[in-house]
Every structure is written in structure tokens, then in C-alpha cells.
Amino acid sequence: MNDDVRKYIYGALIVFIVGVSAWVGFILLSSCGFSLTCKQGEMTVERTPIPTLFPATLPAMETGNGAVVVSDQCRVAAVDLVGAWVEAGSPEEDAFQFTDVNGQNCESTFAEVKPLFVEANLWYAGSLSCVSCHSVDVAVSPAQLDLGSYAGMLAGSRRADAESKGTDILGSGKWQGSLLYEFLSTSKADVPGHTESVSDLLIFAGTPLPVSAATEIPAPTATAAP
């Protein structure tokens, strides 16, 4: 074998080796980049965002020095929150107390009661807000009732005009004997917006009171719809 043939053979081998090395290097660079983790070529994992969760109410715990530590949220039936507000005299600015489902003495204000009447999809999925029907215009509002404001709630139903007062819907502070309690706690198939009982709705509202500041208060109890 002469020198020219050897040169061709060696040249072909070198070209082959260089070509294979370049191809392998290209594959590794595409998959691993300039690191040795080799994760660059993996398929991207589609992740579902973690949903926002309602804070859970924790039971009271007693520390070593005898002090009681409570959670920073109170959980209560929405109907019972309205009832506690009514039985406290229906204050507009002052705080009122209630007992939550865990037996904690809690405190809230009308600012947390009002959204129950002005927000949609709250009492049950797809529910309209109370004010979508019972609005400030008592001339067209069913039962001539305005549930969109503090003054409207106290003015009652069956009002002759916006300046007059009508039938007390708050039962003069006796919640379970009031018209508002009746409409919230019982279903009425013939009344739009009242086809489902909402007495079981639980919400987070108010804040726990320190044990020394809490007073014994009766908790309104929702009655199951017939």
C-alpha cells in the first residue's frame, strides 16, 4: 500500500471521527446546554396555579402560662351574623358581639353585614344580590324594600315613598320573629331569589375577643327550612 492510499484512508477516518464528535457534541449542547444537568431537553411541565384557600379556623389553645390563644378568624353562619347584629340593636358604627361555630366570642360591625345584601354569588352559586331587586328605588322595588343601605334596612318594607318608613323587617330586635329572618331562613318557590334556603351558609367574619373582654351572649340559632 503506497503512501497516497494511506493518506486517503487516514483522512477519511479523521473526517468520520470529527463528524461523529461534532454530531454528538451538538446533541449534548442542545439537551444539556453548558451544564451537566441535562434538563434542558425535558418537556415543560404545565402546572396548575395553587388556588387561594379560605383560612381555616383553628380551635383555641392554652399556653403554658394559662393564657388562651385563639385563631385570627371567626367562622359563623351568615344568618346568625345578621341575627347577632339585629339583636344587638342594629348598630351602624358600633361593634356587636357574636359566638362563632367554634364557641369563640367574636366581634364584628355592620360593615361585614352589609356585603351579605349587596354582593352576588354569595348565599349560593348563581345567587343574585339582594339589592338587584330590593334597591333604593322603592317605587319599583319588590315589597317597597331597600336593602342597599343601613337607612333602607331600618326603614323597612311597604314604604309609600323614599322618605317614609314602612313595616319593620328586623322584628324590633327579636331576630327569629322578624320578617328578614323568615325570608333568609326559609325557601319560597313562588318568590324570585328565595327559592333556596340559605341558613347553612358559613362565612368568615369578625375577630375573636380576648377572654377577659368577651361577655356572655346568646348565639342566634338558624332553624332548618321545612
C-alpha atoms as a PDB file:
ATOM      1  CA  MET A   1       0.000   0.000   0.000  1.00  0.00           C
ATOM      2  CA  ASN A   2       1.553   3.254  -1.072  1.00  0.00           C
ATOM      3  CA  ASP A   3       1.580   6.476   0.896  1.00  0.00           C
ATOM      4  CA  ASP A   4      -1.250   8.111  -1.108  1.00  0.00           C
ATOM      5  CA  VAL A   5      -3.714   5.327  -0.234  1.00  0.00           C
ATOM      6  CA  ARG A   6      -2.769   5.548   3.444  1.00  0.00           C
ATOM      7  CA  LYS A   7      -3.394   9.308   3.361  1.00  0.00           C
ATOM      8  CA  TYR A   8      -6.873   8.790   1.882  1.00  0.00           C
ATOM      9  CA  ILE A   9      -7.767   6.154   4.470  1.00  0.00           C
ATOM     10  CA  TYR A  10      -6.424   8.171   7.410  1.00  0.00           C
ATOM     11  CA  GLY A  11      -8.109  11.294   6.087  1.00  0.00           C
ATOM     12  CA  ALA A  12     -11.461   9.542   5.752  1.00  0.00           C
ATOM     13  CA  LEU A  13     -11.167   8.150   9.308  1.00  0.00           C
ATOM     14  CA  ILE A  14     -10.320  11.571  10.703  1.00  0.00           C
ATOM     15  CA  VAL A  15     -13.242  13.191   8.883  1.00  0.00           C
ATOM     16  CA  PHE A  16     -15.555  10.427  10.140  1.00  0.00           C
ATOM     17  CA  ILE A  17     -14.387  10.787  13.758  1.00  0.00           C
ATOM     18  CA  VAL A  18     -14.615  14.580  13.659  1.00  0.00           C
ATOM     19  CA  GLY A  19     -18.076  14.392  12.105  1.00  0.00           C
ATOM     20  CA  VAL A  20     -19.344  11.941  14.731  1.00  0.00           C
ATOM     21  CA  SER A  21     -17.816  14.050  17.548  1.00  0.00           C
ATOM     22  CA  ALA A  22     -19.445  17.218  16.176  1.00  0.00           C
ATOM     23  CA  TRP A  23     -22.827  15.490  15.907  1.00  0.00           C
ATOM     24  CA  VAL A  24     -22.628  14.105  19.479  1.00  0.00           C
ATOM     25  CA  GLY A  25     -21.472  17.480  20.750  1.00  0.00           C
ATOM     26  CA  PHE A  26     -24.397  19.216  19.043  1.00  0.00           C
ATOM     27  CA  ILE A  27     -26.878  16.769  20.632  1.00  0.00           C
ATOM     28  CA  LEU A  28     -25.358  17.243  24.107  1.00  0.00           C
ATOM     29  CA  LEU A  29     -25.279  21.025  23.764  1.00  0.00           C
ATOM     30  CA  SER A  30     -28.926  21.089  22.695  1.00  0.00           C
ATOM     31  CA  SER A  31     -30.008  18.871  25.592  1.00  0.00           C
ATOM     32  CA  CYS A  32     -27.745  19.997  28.404  1.00  0.00           C
ATOM     33  CA  GLY A  33     -26.569  23.446  27.446  1.00  0.00           C
ATOM     34  CA  PHE A  34     -23.326  24.289  29.161  1.00  0.00           C
ATOM     35  CA  SER A  35     -24.182  22.319  32.316  1.00  0.00           C
ATOM     36  CA  LEU A  36     -24.142  18.643  33.202  1.00  0.00           C
ATOM     37  CA  THR A  37     -27.750  18.512  34.457  1.00  0.00           C
ATOM     38  CA  CYS A  38     -29.167  17.666  31.025  1.00  0.00           C
ATOM     39  CA  LYS A  39     -32.638  19.033  31.960  1.00  0.00           C
ATOM     40  CA  GLN A  40     -32.848  21.466  29.109  1.00  0.00           C
ATOM     41  CA  GLY A  41     -34.243  18.836  26.781  1.00  0.00           C
ATOM     42  CA  GLU A  42     -37.010  17.719  29.151  1.00  0.00           C
ATOM     43  CA  MET A  43     -40.612  18.625  28.344  1.00  0.00           C
ATOM     44  CA  THR A  44     -42.008  21.594  30.213  1.00  0.00           C
ATOM     45  CA  VAL A  45     -44.440  20.560  32.935  1.00  0.00           C
ATOM     46  CA  GLU A  46     -47.664  22.511  32.885  1.00  0.00           C
ATOM     47  CA  ARG A  47     -48.537  23.318  36.491  1.00  0.00           C
ATOM     48  CA  THR A  48     -51.908  24.405  37.771  1.00  0.00           C
ATOM     49  CA  PRO A  49     -51.729  27.517  39.984  1.00  0.00           C
ATOM     50  CA  ILE A  50     -52.374  26.825  43.647  1.00  0.00           C
ATOM     51  CA  PRO A  51     -55.838  28.228  44.443  1.00  0.00           C
ATOM     52  CA  THR A  52     -56.376  30.757  47.196  1.00  0.00           C
ATOM     53  CA  LEU A  53     -57.806  28.943  50.171  1.00  0.00           C
ATOM     54  CA  PHE A  54     -60.068  30.343  52.839  1.00  0.00           C
ATOM     55  CA  PRO A  55     -58.242  30.483  56.164  1.00  0.00           C
ATOM     56  CA  ALA A  56     -59.231  27.636  58.436  1.00  0.00           C
ATOM     57  CA  THR A  57     -60.479  28.417  61.905  1.00  0.00           C
ATOM     58  CA  LEU A  58     -58.296  26.742  64.495  1.00  0.00           C
ATOM     59  CA  PRO A  59     -59.569  25.756  67.943  1.00  0.00           C
ATOM     60  CA  ALA A  60     -58.450  27.696  70.970  1.00  0.00           C
ATOM     61  CA  MET A  61     -55.179  26.531  72.509  1.00  0.00           C
ATOM     62  CA  GLU A  62     -53.955  27.007  76.063  1.00  0.00           C
ATOM     63  CA  THR A  63     -50.335  28.007  76.557  1.00  0.00           C
ATOM     64  CA  GLY A  64     -48.122  27.102  79.493  1.00  0.00           C
ATOM     65  CA  ASN A  65     -48.920  30.312  81.399  1.00  0.00           C
ATOM     66  CA  GLY A  66     -52.662  29.683  81.238  1.00  0.00           C
ATOM     67  CA  ALA A  67     -53.380  32.317  78.551  1.00  0.00           C
ATOM     68  CA  VAL A  68     -55.783  31.281  75.827  1.00  0.00           C
ATOM     69  CA  VAL A  69     -54.661  31.798  72.259  1.00  0.00           C
ATOM     70  CA  VAL A  70     -57.362  31.875  69.576  1.00  0.00           C
ATOM     71  CA  SER A  71     -57.294  31.995  65.802  1.00  0.00           C
ATOM     72  CA  ASP A  72     -57.467  35.309  63.951  1.00  0.00           C
ATOM     73  CA  GLN A  73     -60.690  34.439  62.114  1.00  0.00           C
ATOM     74  CA  CYS A  74     -64.234  33.692  63.250  1.00  0.00           C
ATOM     75  CA  ARG A  75     -66.458  31.311  61.302  1.00  0.00           C
ATOM     76  CA  VAL A  76     -70.191  31.846  61.605  1.00  0.00           C
ATOM     77  CA  ALA A  77     -73.429  31.143  59.774  1.00  0.00           C
ATOM     78  CA  ALA A  78     -74.286  34.234  57.723  1.00  0.00           C
ATOM     79  CA  VAL A  79     -77.856  34.190  59.036  1.00  0.00           C
ATOM     80  CA  ASP A  80     -76.523  34.105  62.605  1.00  0.00           C
ATOM     81  CA  LEU A  81     -74.208  37.054  61.944  1.00  0.00           C
ATOM     82  CA  VAL A  82     -77.162  39.135  60.747  1.00  0.00           C
ATOM     83  CA  GLY A  83     -79.146  37.913  63.750  1.00  0.00           C
ATOM     84  CA  ALA A  84     -76.441  38.957  66.220  1.00  0.00           C
ATOM     85  CA  TRP A  85     -76.383  42.404  64.631  1.00  0.00           C
ATOM     86  CA  VAL A  86     -80.175  42.719  64.886  1.00  0.00           C
ATOM     87  CA  GLU A  87     -80.309  41.511  68.495  1.00  0.00           C
ATOM     88  CA  ALA A  88     -77.528  43.941  69.435  1.00  0.00           C
ATOM     89  CA  GLY A  89     -79.817  46.808  68.408  1.00  0.00           C
ATOM     90  CA  SER A  90     -78.731  47.021  64.745  1.00  0.00           C
ATOM     91  CA  PRO A  91     -75.843  49.475  65.271  1.00  0.00           C
ATOM     92  CA  GLU A  92     -74.448  51.251  62.227  1.00  0.00           C
ATOM     93  CA  GLU A  93     -70.960  52.048  63.550  1.00  0.00           C
ATOM     94  CA  ASP A  94     -70.633  50.368  66.936  1.00  0.00           C
ATOM     95  CA  ALA A  95     -69.298  46.827  67.215  1.00  0.00           C
ATOM     96  CA  PHE A  96     -71.516  43.928  68.235  1.00  0.00           C
ATOM     97  CA  GLN A  97     -70.600  40.509  69.582  1.00  0.00           C
ATOM     98  CA  PHE A  98     -71.494  37.011  68.468  1.00  0.00           C
ATOM     99  CA  THR A  99     -70.425  33.434  69.140  1.00  0.00           C
ATOM    100  CA  ASP A 100     -68.923  31.563  66.201  1.00  0.00           C
ATOM    101  CA  VAL A 101     -69.299  27.880  65.328  1.00  0.00           C
ATOM    102  CA  ASN A 102     -66.271  27.003  67.477  1.00  0.00           C
ATOM    103  CA  GLY A 103     -67.685  28.700  70.560  1.00  0.00           C
ATOM    104  CA  GLN A 104     -65.377  31.718  70.343  1.00  0.00           C
ATOM    105  CA  ASN A 105     -66.697  35.092  71.413  1.00  0.00           C
ATOM    106  CA  CYS A 106     -66.181  37.386  68.452  1.00  0.00           C
ATOM    107  CA  GLU A 107     -66.797  40.972  67.447  1.00  0.00           C
ATOM    108  CA  SER A 108     -67.959  42.486  64.164  1.00  0.00           C
ATOM    109  CA  THR A 109     -69.625  45.587  62.701  1.00  0.00           C
ATOM    110  CA  PHE A 110     -72.333  46.425  60.176  1.00  0.00           C
ATOM    111  CA  ALA A 111     -69.569  46.784  57.560  1.00  0.00           C
ATOM    112  CA  GLU A 112     -69.399  42.963  57.488  1.00  0.00           C
ATOM    113  CA  VAL A 113     -73.176  42.535  57.483  1.00  0.00           C
ATOM    114  CA  LYS A 114     -73.888  44.819  54.513  1.00  0.00           C
ATOM    115  CA  PRO A 115     -71.979  42.731  51.897  1.00  0.00           C
ATOM    116  CA  LEU A 116     -74.419  39.876  52.552  1.00  0.00           C
ATOM    117  CA  PHE A 117     -77.088  42.015  50.882  1.00  0.00           C
ATOM    118  CA  VAL A 118     -75.137  43.772  48.140  1.00  0.00           C
ATOM    119  CA  GLU A 119     -72.855  41.040  46.724  1.00  0.00           C
ATOM    120  CA  ALA A 120     -73.899  38.437  44.148  1.00  0.00           C
ATOM    121  CA  ASN A 121     -72.976  34.716  44.203  1.00  0.00           C
ATOM    122  CA  LEU A 122     -72.692  34.816  47.959  1.00  0.00           C
ATOM    123  CA  TRP A 123     -75.621  32.953  49.510  1.00  0.00           C
ATOM    124  CA  TYR A 124     -75.339  30.165  46.928  1.00  0.00           C
ATOM    125  CA  ALA A 125     -73.784  29.671  43.500  1.00  0.00           C
ATOM    126  CA  GLY A 126     -75.522  31.853  40.937  1.00  0.00           C
ATOM    127  CA  SER A 127     -77.496  33.847  43.503  1.00  0.00           C
ATOM    128  CA  LEU A 128     -78.322  37.445  42.704  1.00  0.00           C
ATOM    129  CA  SER A 129     -77.524  40.157  45.187  1.00  0.00           C
ATOM    130  CA  CYS A 130     -80.457  41.232  47.337  1.00  0.00           C
ATOM    131  CA  VAL A 131     -80.166  44.778  46.002  1.00  0.00           C
ATOM    132  CA  SER A 132     -80.593  43.590  42.418  1.00  0.00           C
ATOM    133  CA  CYS A 133     -84.305  43.506  43.314  1.00  0.00           C
ATOM    134  CA  HIS A 134     -84.636  45.390  46.600  1.00  0.00           C
ATOM    135  CA  SER A 135     -82.947  48.622  45.561  1.00  0.00           C
ATOM    136  CA  VAL A 136     -83.108  52.256  46.603  1.00  0.00           C
ATOM    137  CA  ASP A 137     -85.992  52.989  44.236  1.00  0.00           C
ATOM    138  CA  VAL A 138     -88.842  51.782  46.429  1.00  0.00           C
ATOM    139  CA  ALA A 139     -91.371  52.701  43.759  1.00  0.00           C
ATOM    140  CA  VAL A 140     -90.301  49.656  41.716  1.00  0.00           C
ATOM    141  CA  SER A 141     -88.575  47.570  44.406  1.00  0.00           C
ATOM    142  CA  PRO A 142     -90.482  44.400  45.407  1.00  0.00           C
ATOM    143  CA  ALA A 143     -92.200  44.933  48.769  1.00  0.00           C
ATOM    144  CA  GLN A 144     -91.025  48.566  48.531  1.00  0.00           C
ATOM    145  CA  LEU A 145     -87.880  47.471  50.348  1.00  0.00           C
ATOM    146  CA  ASP A 146     -84.348  48.876  50.058  1.00  0.00           C
ATOM    147  CA  LEU A 147     -81.611  46.512  51.286  1.00  0.00           C
ATOM    148  CA  GLY A 148     -78.740  48.515  49.825  1.00  0.00           C
ATOM    149  CA  SER A 149     -78.125  50.790  52.793  1.00  0.00           C
ATOM    150  CA  TYR A 150     -78.341  50.928  56.556  1.00  0.00           C
ATOM    151  CA  ALA A 151     -81.111  53.533  56.419  1.00  0.00           C
ATOM    152  CA  GLY A 152     -83.051  51.460  53.895  1.00  0.00           C
ATOM    153  CA  MET A 153     -82.972  48.358  56.094  1.00  0.00           C
ATOM    154  CA  LEU A 154     -84.179  50.263  59.118  1.00  0.00           C
ATOM    155  CA  ALA A 155     -86.909  51.993  57.089  1.00  0.00           C
ATOM    156  CA  GLY A 156     -88.471  48.602  56.410  1.00  0.00           C
ATOM    157  CA  SER A 157     -90.817  47.374  53.696  1.00  0.00           C
ATOM    158  CA  ARG A 158     -94.123  48.533  52.196  1.00  0.00           C
ATOM    159  CA  ARG A 159     -92.979  52.137  52.169  1.00  0.00           C
ATOM    160  CA  ALA A 160     -95.108  54.792  50.498  1.00  0.00           C
ATOM    161  CA  ASP A 161     -92.033  56.630  49.217  1.00  0.00           C
ATOM    162  CA  ALA A 162     -88.311  57.019  49.813  1.00  0.00           C
ATOM    163  CA  GLU A 163     -88.861  59.424  52.698  1.00  0.00           C
ATOM    164  CA  SER A 164     -91.302  57.320  54.695  1.00  0.00           C
ATOM    165  CA  LYS A 165     -90.947  54.311  56.943  1.00  0.00           C
ATOM    166  CA  GLY A 166     -92.772  51.052  56.479  1.00  0.00           C
ATOM    167  CA  THR A 167     -93.055  47.672  58.169  1.00  0.00           C
ATOM    168  CA  ASP A 168     -90.156  46.792  60.472  1.00  0.00           C
ATOM    169  CA  ILE A 169     -88.308  43.841  58.886  1.00  0.00           C
ATOM    170  CA  LEU A 170     -85.929  43.452  61.862  1.00  0.00           C
ATOM    171  CA  GLY A 171     -88.581  42.394  64.371  1.00  0.00           C
ATOM    172  CA  SER A 172     -87.787  45.191  66.829  1.00  0.00           C
ATOM    173  CA  GLY A 173     -84.574  43.375  67.743  1.00  0.00           C
ATOM    174  CA  LYS A 174     -86.164  39.917  68.032  1.00  0.00           C
ATOM    175  CA  TRP A 175     -84.361  38.177  65.202  1.00  0.00           C
ATOM    176  CA  GLN A 176     -86.181  34.862  64.865  1.00  0.00           C
ATOM    177  CA  GLY A 177     -89.531  36.643  64.874  1.00  0.00           C
ATOM    178  CA  SER A 178     -88.519  39.091  62.168  1.00  0.00           C
ATOM    179  CA  LEU A 179     -89.576  39.182  58.524  1.00  0.00           C
ATOM    180  CA  LEU A 180     -85.942  39.289  57.407  1.00  0.00           C
ATOM    181  CA  TYR A 181     -85.159  36.068  59.272  1.00  0.00           C
ATOM    182  CA  GLU A 182     -88.174  34.372  57.724  1.00  0.00           C
ATOM    183  CA  PHE A 183     -87.085  35.278  54.200  1.00  0.00           C
ATOM    184  CA  LEU A 184     -83.465  34.281  54.742  1.00  0.00           C
ATOM    185  CA  SER A 185     -84.051  31.001  56.541  1.00  0.00           C
ATOM    186  CA  THR A 186     -86.911  29.514  54.515  1.00  0.00           C
ATOM    187  CA  SER A 187     -87.314  28.766  50.818  1.00  0.00           C
ATOM    188  CA  LYS A 188     -90.205  30.273  48.887  1.00  0.00           C
ATOM    189  CA  ALA A 189     -90.733  28.680  45.500  1.00  0.00           C
ATOM    190  CA  ASP A 190     -93.055  31.455  44.347  1.00  0.00           C
ATOM    191  CA  VAL A 191     -90.703  34.328  45.259  1.00  0.00           C
ATOM    192  CA  PRO A 192     -87.761  35.023  42.878  1.00  0.00           C
ATOM    193  CA  GLY A 193     -84.436  34.942  44.706  1.00  0.00           C
ATOM    194  CA  HIS A 194     -85.868  32.987  47.654  1.00  0.00           C
ATOM    195  CA  THR A 195     -86.165  29.568  46.060  1.00  0.00           C
ATOM    196  CA  GLU A 196     -83.378  28.144  48.243  1.00  0.00           C
ATOM    197  CA  SER A 197     -82.788  28.223  51.983  1.00  0.00           C
ATOM    198  CA  VAL A 198     -79.544  29.952  52.864  1.00  0.00           C
ATOM    199  CA  SER A 199     -79.464  29.204  56.578  1.00  0.00           C
ATOM    200  CA  ASP A 200     -76.495  26.818  56.235  1.00  0.00           C
ATOM    201  CA  LEU A 201     -74.083  29.291  54.622  1.00  0.00           C
ATOM    202  CA  LEU A 202     -70.896  29.639  56.731  1.00  0.00           C
ATOM    203  CA  ILE A 203     -68.631  32.651  56.296  1.00  0.00           C
ATOM    204  CA  PHE A 204     -65.502  34.121  57.884  1.00  0.00           C
ATOM    205  CA  ALA A 205     -66.285  37.383  59.664  1.00  0.00           C
ATOM    206  CA  GLY A 206     -65.270  39.334  62.734  1.00  0.00           C
ATOM    207  CA  THR A 207     -62.342  38.782  65.053  1.00  0.00           C
ATOM    208  CA  PRO A 208     -62.068  36.772  68.287  1.00  0.00           C
ATOM    209  CA  LEU A 209     -62.262  38.712  71.512  1.00  0.00           C
ATOM    210  CA  PRO A 210     -59.760  38.240  74.329  1.00  0.00           C
ATOM    211  CA  VAL A 211     -61.282  36.048  77.012  1.00  0.00           C
ATOM    212  CA  SER A 212     -61.251  38.890  79.528  1.00  0.00           C
ATOM    213  CA  ALA A 213     -63.112  41.235  77.149  1.00  0.00           C
ATOM    214  CA  ALA A 214     -65.793  38.812  75.949  1.00  0.00           C
ATOM    215  CA  THR A 215     -69.223  38.817  77.535  1.00  0.00           C
ATOM    216  CA  GLU A 216     -71.717  36.017  77.684  1.00  0.00           C
ATOM    217  CA  ILE A 217     -74.081  36.449  74.730  1.00  0.00           C
ATOM    218  CA  PRO A 218     -76.723  34.134  73.334  1.00  0.00           C
ATOM    219  CA  ALA A 219     -75.957  32.919  69.814  1.00  0.00           C
ATOM    220  CA  PRO A 220     -78.819  33.081  67.314  1.00  0.00           C
ATOM    221  CA  THR A 221     -79.522  29.586  66.029  1.00  0.00           C
ATOM    222  CA  ALA A 222     -80.608  29.072  62.450  1.00  0.00           C
ATOM    223  CA  THR A 223     -83.642  26.870  62.035  1.00  0.00           C
ATOM    224  CA  ALA A 224     -83.602  24.355  59.203  1.00  0.00           C
ATOM    225  CA  ALA A 225     -86.022  25.104  56.398  1.00  0.00           C
ATOM    226  CA  PRO A 226     -89.152  22.969  56.361  1.00  0.00           C
END
